[in-house]
Amino acid sequence: MDEILTKQEHCEQITKQLCMMDYYTFEIQGAVLDRTKTLGCGDDECNFHLMSKERAKEIGFVKSPDAK
């Protein structure tokens, strides 16, 4: 989430939790999220890749140890 927006809306404390909800949201929709950077955790960008559960299984996807 944009840092300016979270300050404007007084929700800086919950941005990390909002970003972590992405994993559950995509899982419910049948997708796999791999992300190593996120604005909600203070990084300078969001770096992510989405794929179907089938594709993840096909390529032997293993969650990044640096996942955020």
Protein backbone atom coordinates (compact mmCIF):
# COMPACT_ATOMS: atom_id res chain seq x y z
CA MET A 1 0.00 0.00 0.00
CA ASP A 2 1.11 3.52 -0.67
CA GLU A 3 2.81 5.04 2.37
CA ILE A 4 1.15 8.42 1.85
CA LEU A 5 -2.31 6.84 1.68
CA THR A 6 -1.79 4.82 4.85
CA LYS A 7 -0.64 7.96 6.73
CA GLN A 8 -3.56 9.95 5.33
CA GLU A 9 -5.99 7.27 6.52
CA HIS A 10 -4.16 6.78 9.85
CA CYS A 11 -3.64 3.06 9.30
CA GLU A 12 0.14 2.69 9.15
CA GLN A 13 0.01 0.04 11.89
CA ILE A 14 -2.09 -2.39 9.87
CA THR A 15 -0.48 -2.18 6.44
CA LYS A 16 1.76 -5.21 7.03
CA GLN A 17 -1.26 -7.28 8.09
CA LEU A 18 -3.21 -6.14 5.03
CA CYS A 19 -0.38 -7.30 2.79
CA MET A 20 -0.20 -10.65 4.59
CA MET A 21 -3.92 -11.14 3.85
CA ASP A 22 -2.98 -11.28 0.16
CA TYR A 23 -1.73 -14.86 0.65
CA TYR A 24 -5.10 -16.01 1.99
CA THR A 25 -7.09 -14.02 -0.56
CA PHE A 26 -5.27 -15.55 -3.50
CA GLU A 27 -5.30 -19.04 -1.98
CA ILE A 28 -9.09 -18.90 -1.68
CA GLN A 29 -9.21 -17.95 -5.35
CA GLY A 30 -7.01 -20.88 -6.37
CA ALA A 31 -3.79 -18.96 -6.87
CA VAL A 32 -0.34 -19.02 -5.29
CA LEU A 33 1.45 -15.79 -4.35
CA ASP A 34 5.22 -15.48 -4.09
CA ARG A 35 6.39 -12.07 -2.87
CA THR A 36 9.79 -10.98 -1.61
CA LYS A 37 9.13 -7.24 -1.25
CA THR A 38 6.07 -5.26 -0.21
CA LEU A 39 5.41 -1.61 0.52
CA GLY A 40 3.47 -2.67 3.60
CA CYS A 41 6.66 -4.08 5.12
CA GLY A 42 8.62 -0.92 4.33
CA ASP A 43 10.25 -2.04 1.07
CA ASP A 44 10.62 0.36 -1.85
CA GLU A 45 8.39 -1.76 -4.10
CA CYS A 46 6.10 -4.76 -4.24
CA ASN A 47 7.86 -7.68 -5.94
CA PHE A 48 5.49 -10.57 -6.53
CA HIS A 49 4.50 -13.40 -8.83
CA LEU A 50 1.09 -15.07 -9.05
CA MET A 51 0.39 -18.50 -10.49
CA SER A 52 -2.36 -21.08 -10.43
CA LYS A 53 -2.09 -23.90 -7.89
CA GLU A 54 -1.80 -26.30 -10.82
CA ARG A 55 1.14 -24.40 -12.30
CA ALA A 56 2.84 -24.20 -8.89
CA LYS A 57 2.53 -27.98 -8.52
CA GLU A 58 3.71 -28.54 -12.11
CA ILE A 59 6.93 -26.56 -11.61
CA GLY A 60 7.54 -27.80 -8.05
CA PHE A 61 7.12 -24.32 -6.59
CA VAL A 62 8.61 -23.80 -3.14
CA LYS A 63 7.80 -20.63 -1.22
CA SER A 64 10.73 -18.22 -1.11
CA PRO A 65 12.50 -18.10 2.26
CA ASP A 66 12.42 -14.30 1.86
CA ALA A 67 8.63 -14.22 1.37
CA LYS A 68 6.79 -11.25 2.84
